Amino acid sequence: MSAITIDTERDDLVTLSEFAKTLPGKPVHIATVHRWRMRGIRGIKLPTVLIGGVRHTSRQAGTAWFAATTAAADGETLPTRTPQQRAKAVAAAERALEEMGA
């Protein structure tokens, strides 16, 4: 499984307590969210960043994390890319943008 990352410039950052409060279903205790980031589920940890001494995650990272943990629980594997494959895809996208004049 490739690492789920947080883009601090583009993602919708939320504190871990805000993240816990916005989850659907039964209320999730903040300690549960901290356990997800420290131990993870099925070896997949909730990604977080530390900003000004406060731990944050993003809504996008949470969505990707839930998808990854669900797939792991169902015995499925999500498609992963190696760093080289990702770099190749980025280069191709940049070339396409240049061709479009963007």
C-alpha atoms as a PDB file:
ATOM      1  CA  MET A   1       0.000   0.000   0.000  1.00  0.00           C
ATOM      2  CA  SER A   2       1.428   3.358  -0.933  1.00  0.00           C
ATOM      3  CA  ALA A   3       1.523   5.941   1.787  1.00  0.00           C
ATOM      4  CA  ILE A   4      -1.431   8.270   2.105  1.00  0.00           C
ATOM      5  CA  THR A   5      -0.102  11.808   2.235  1.00  0.00           C
ATOM      6  CA  ILE A   6      -1.425  15.177   3.308  1.00  0.00           C
ATOM      7  CA  ASP A   7      -0.908  18.212   1.095  1.00  0.00           C
ATOM      8  CA  THR A   8      -0.928  21.070   3.599  1.00  0.00           C
ATOM      9  CA  GLU A   9      -1.472  23.632   0.855  1.00  0.00           C
ATOM     10  CA  ARG A  10      -4.415  21.958  -0.893  1.00  0.00           C
ATOM     11  CA  ASP A  11      -6.116  19.601   1.559  1.00  0.00           C
ATOM     12  CA  ASP A  12      -8.847  20.613   4.006  1.00  0.00           C
ATOM     13  CA  LEU A  13      -6.965  20.389   7.305  1.00  0.00           C
ATOM     14  CA  VAL A  14      -8.832  19.659  10.527  1.00  0.00           C
ATOM     15  CA  THR A  15      -7.677  18.983  14.064  1.00  0.00           C
ATOM     16  CA  LEU A  16      -8.055  15.429  15.251  1.00  0.00           C
ATOM     17  CA  SER A  17     -10.885  16.417  17.588  1.00  0.00           C
ATOM     18  CA  GLU A  18     -12.716  18.123  14.688  1.00  0.00           C
ATOM     19  CA  PHE A  19     -12.125  15.016  12.588  1.00  0.00           C
ATOM     20  CA  ALA A  20     -13.634  12.788  15.294  1.00  0.00           C
ATOM     21  CA  LYS A  21     -16.717  15.007  15.613  1.00  0.00           C
ATOM     22  CA  THR A  22     -17.468  15.019  11.885  1.00  0.00           C
ATOM     23  CA  LEU A  23     -17.398  11.256  11.294  1.00  0.00           C
ATOM     24  CA  PRO A  24     -20.733   9.617  10.454  1.00  0.00           C
ATOM     25  CA  GLY A  25     -22.374   7.056  12.699  1.00  0.00           C
ATOM     26  CA  LYS A  26     -21.734   6.612  16.395  1.00  0.00           C
ATOM     27  CA  PRO A  27     -19.538   9.239  18.056  1.00  0.00           C
ATOM     28  CA  VAL A  28     -15.821   8.490  17.851  1.00  0.00           C
ATOM     29  CA  HIS A  29     -13.691   9.335  20.881  1.00  0.00           C
ATOM     30  CA  ILE A  30     -10.550  11.398  20.314  1.00  0.00           C
ATOM     31  CA  ALA A  31      -8.507   8.557  21.850  1.00  0.00           C
ATOM     32  CA  THR A  32      -9.710   6.314  19.018  1.00  0.00           C
ATOM     33  CA  VAL A  33      -8.461   8.791  16.416  1.00  0.00           C
ATOM     34  CA  HIS A  34      -5.088   8.953  18.185  1.00  0.00           C
ATOM     35  CA  ARG A  35      -4.951   5.138  18.177  1.00  0.00           C
ATOM     36  CA  TRP A  36      -5.656   5.167  14.423  1.00  0.00           C
ATOM     37  CA  ARG A  37      -2.703   7.506  13.875  1.00  0.00           C
ATOM     38  CA  MET A  38      -0.336   5.681  16.242  1.00  0.00           C
ATOM     39  CA  ARG A  39      -1.177   1.995  15.653  1.00  0.00           C
ATOM     40  CA  GLY A  40      -3.435   2.104  12.628  1.00  0.00           C
ATOM     41  CA  ILE A  41      -5.878  -0.526  11.446  1.00  0.00           C
ATOM     42  CA  ARG A  42      -4.576  -3.562   9.585  1.00  0.00           C
ATOM     43  CA  GLY A  43      -1.179  -1.883   9.405  1.00  0.00           C
ATOM     44  CA  ILE A  44      -2.491   1.325   7.846  1.00  0.00           C
ATOM     45  CA  LYS A  45      -2.022   4.454   9.948  1.00  0.00           C
ATOM     46  CA  LEU A  46      -4.125   7.607   9.704  1.00  0.00           C
ATOM     47  CA  PRO A  47      -1.791  10.275   8.327  1.00  0.00           C
ATOM     48  CA  THR A  48      -1.345  13.418  10.384  1.00  0.00           C
ATOM     49  CA  VAL A  49       0.803  16.535  10.422  1.00  0.00           C
ATOM     50  CA  LEU A  50       1.929  18.626  13.354  1.00  0.00           C
ATOM     51  CA  ILE A  51       1.284  22.335  12.866  1.00  0.00           C
ATOM     52  CA  GLY A  52       2.143  24.739  15.661  1.00  0.00           C
ATOM     53  CA  GLY A  53       2.074  21.937  18.200  1.00  0.00           C
ATOM     54  CA  VAL A  54      -1.409  20.798  17.158  1.00  0.00           C
ATOM     55  CA  ARG A  55      -1.952  17.496  15.361  1.00  0.00           C
ATOM     56  CA  HIS A  56      -4.047  17.699  12.156  1.00  0.00           C
ATOM     57  CA  THR A  57      -5.276  15.371   9.453  1.00  0.00           C
ATOM     58  CA  SER A  58      -7.190  16.237   6.304  1.00  0.00           C
ATOM     59  CA  ARG A  59     -10.606  15.263   5.059  1.00  0.00           C
ATOM     60  CA  GLN A  60      -8.982  13.926   1.875  1.00  0.00           C
ATOM     61  CA  ALA A  61      -6.485  11.798   3.831  1.00  0.00           C
ATOM     62  CA  GLY A  62      -9.311  10.509   6.021  1.00  0.00           C
ATOM     63  CA  THR A  63     -11.320   9.478   2.976  1.00  0.00           C
ATOM     64  CA  ALA A  64      -8.326   7.691   1.447  1.00  0.00           C
ATOM     65  CA  TRP A  65      -7.516   6.060   4.809  1.00  0.00           C
ATOM     66  CA  PHE A  66     -11.060   4.735   5.235  1.00  0.00           C
ATOM     67  CA  ALA A  67     -10.964   3.345   1.678  1.00  0.00           C
ATOM     68  CA  ALA A  68      -7.620   1.649   2.328  1.00  0.00           C
ATOM     69  CA  THR A  69      -8.682   0.122   5.649  1.00  0.00           C
ATOM     70  CA  THR A  70     -11.970  -1.070   4.150  1.00  0.00           C
ATOM     71  CA  ALA A  71     -10.145  -2.676   1.231  1.00  0.00           C
ATOM     72  CA  ALA A  72      -7.711  -4.343   3.652  1.00  0.00           C
ATOM     73  CA  ALA A  73     -10.607  -5.673   5.740  1.00  0.00           C
ATOM     74  CA  ASP A  74     -12.268  -7.035   2.598  1.00  0.00           C
ATOM     75  CA  GLY A  75      -9.042  -8.702   1.476  1.00  0.00           C
ATOM     76  CA  GLU A  76      -8.678  -6.407  -1.522  1.00  0.00           C
ATOM     77  CA  THR A  77      -5.609  -4.483  -2.541  1.00  0.00           C
ATOM     78  CA  LEU A  78      -5.791  -0.939  -3.774  1.00  0.00           C
ATOM     79  CA  PRO A  79      -3.702  -0.009  -6.786  1.00  0.00           C
ATOM     80  CA  THR A  80      -0.351   1.394  -5.750  1.00  0.00           C
ATOM     81  CA  ARG A  81       2.303   3.305  -7.615  1.00  0.00           C
ATOM     82  CA  THR A  82       6.009   3.251  -7.040  1.00  0.00           C
ATOM     83  CA  PRO A  83       7.754   6.613  -6.657  1.00  0.00           C
ATOM     84  CA  GLN A  84       9.107   6.166 -10.198  1.00  0.00           C
ATOM     85  CA  GLN A  85       5.617   5.531 -11.586  1.00  0.00           C
ATOM     86  CA  ARG A  86       4.316   8.615  -9.779  1.00  0.00           C
ATOM     87  CA  ALA A  87       7.181  10.768 -11.114  1.00  0.00           C
ATOM     88  CA  LYS A  88       6.497   9.497 -14.643  1.00  0.00           C
ATOM     89  CA  ALA A  89       2.790  10.355 -14.305  1.00  0.00           C
ATOM     90  CA  VAL A  90       3.621  13.832 -12.997  1.00  0.00           C
ATOM     91  CA  ALA A  91       6.018  14.439 -15.905  1.00  0.00           C
ATOM     92  CA  ALA A  92       3.366  13.304 -18.399  1.00  0.00           C
ATOM     93  CA  ALA A  93       0.779  15.608 -16.836  1.00  0.00           C
ATOM     94  CA  GLU A  94       3.222  18.538 -16.948  1.00  0.00           C
ATOM     95  CA  ARG A  95       3.944  17.857 -20.634  1.00  0.00           C
ATOM     96  CA  ALA A  96       0.202  17.736 -21.377  1.00  0.00           C
ATOM     97  CA  LEU A  97      -0.288  21.079 -19.616  1.00  0.00           C
ATOM     98  CA  GLU A  98       2.560  22.639 -21.592  1.00  0.00           C
ATOM     99  CA  GLU A  99       1.031  21.381 -24.850  1.00  0.00           C
ATOM    100  CA  MET A 100      -2.287  22.949 -23.876  1.00  0.00           C
ATOM    101  CA  GLY A 101      -0.529  26.228 -23.156  1.00  0.00           C
ATOM    102  CA  ALA A 102      -1.295  26.221 -19.453  1.00  0.00           C
END
